[in-house]
C-alpha cells in the first residue's frame, strides 16, 4: 500500500493547533507520519488512518 502523503507536503487539519495554526508540513513518512506545525514548530505523530480522516486540505510539495 502506497502512502498518499510525501515528505514536504503541506496539510490543513480539521482542528486547529493550540497555537492557532492550521497548516502542517509532513516531516517523515513511515509506520506513522510526523507533522510539524508551520506556526509554532511543534511536532505531532499520526497513524496513516487517523491522518487521512483528519485532513481538510492538501498541498503537494512542488519539488519532485
Protein backbone atom coordinates (compact mmCIF):
# COMPACT_ATOMS: atom_id res chain seq x y z
CA UNK A 1 0.00 0.00 0.00
CA UNK A 2 1.49 3.33 -1.09
CA UNK A 3 1.16 6.41 1.11
CA UNK A 4 -0.77 9.39 -0.22
CA UNK A 5 1.42 11.87 1.66
CA UNK A 6 5.09 12.51 0.98
CA UNK A 7 7.75 14.38 2.92
CA UNK A 8 7.49 18.12 2.29
CA UNK A 9 3.73 18.18 1.61
CA UNK A 10 1.59 20.76 3.42
CA UNK A 11 -1.68 19.75 5.10
CA UNK A 12 -4.55 21.58 6.75
CA UNK A 13 -6.22 19.60 9.52
CA UNK A 14 -9.86 19.84 10.57
CA UNK A 15 -8.91 21.03 14.06
CA UNK A 16 -6.59 23.97 14.65
CA UNK A 17 -3.48 23.55 16.81
CA UNK A 18 -3.43 25.14 20.28
CA UNK A 19 -1.22 27.95 18.93
CA UNK A 20 -3.88 28.80 16.34
CA UNK A 21 -2.01 27.36 13.36
CA UNK A 22 -3.87 25.19 10.87
CA UNK A 23 -1.11 24.30 8.38
CA UNK A 24 1.28 21.41 8.93
CA UNK A 25 4.28 20.14 6.97
CA UNK A 26 4.96 16.42 6.58
CA UNK A 27 8.43 15.78 8.03
CA UNK A 28 8.65 11.98 7.97
CA UNK A 29 6.61 9.17 6.46
CA UNK A 30 6.98 5.70 7.91
CA UNK A 31 4.82 3.49 10.11
CA UNK A 32 3.35 6.74 11.35
CA UNK A 33 3.51 10.23 9.84
CA UNK A 34 5.30 13.06 11.63
CA UNK A 35 3.97 16.59 11.11
CA UNK A 36 5.44 19.97 12.07
CA UNK A 37 3.22 22.99 12.79
CA UNK A 38 4.10 25.79 10.38
CA UNK A 39 3.18 28.42 13.00
CA UNK A 40 4.99 27.33 16.18
CA UNK A 41 7.24 24.46 15.03
CA UNK A 42 5.84 21.74 17.32
CA UNK A 43 5.69 18.14 16.13
CA UNK A 44 2.83 15.61 16.10
CA UNK A 45 2.74 11.94 15.13
CA UNK A 46 -0.30 10.46 13.41
CA UNK A 47 -1.06 6.97 12.22
CA UNK A 48 -1.85 6.87 8.49
CA UNK A 49 -5.53 6.06 9.04
CA UNK A 50 -6.05 8.81 11.63
CA UNK A 51 -4.34 11.40 9.44
CA UNK A 52 -6.45 10.53 6.38
CA UNK A 53 -9.60 11.13 8.48
CA UNK A 54 -8.36 14.50 9.83
CA UNK A 55 -7.07 16.18 6.65
CA UNK A 56 -9.16 19.09 5.39
CA UNK A 57 -6.87 20.43 2.61
CA UNK A 58 -3.74 19.10 0.91
CA UNK A 59 -0.96 20.91 -1.00
CA UNK A 60 1.65 18.62 -2.56
CA UNK A 61 5.27 19.69 -2.41
CA UNK A 62 6.49 21.48 -5.52
CA UNK A 63 9.83 19.60 -5.75
CA UNK A 64 9.93 16.05 -7.04
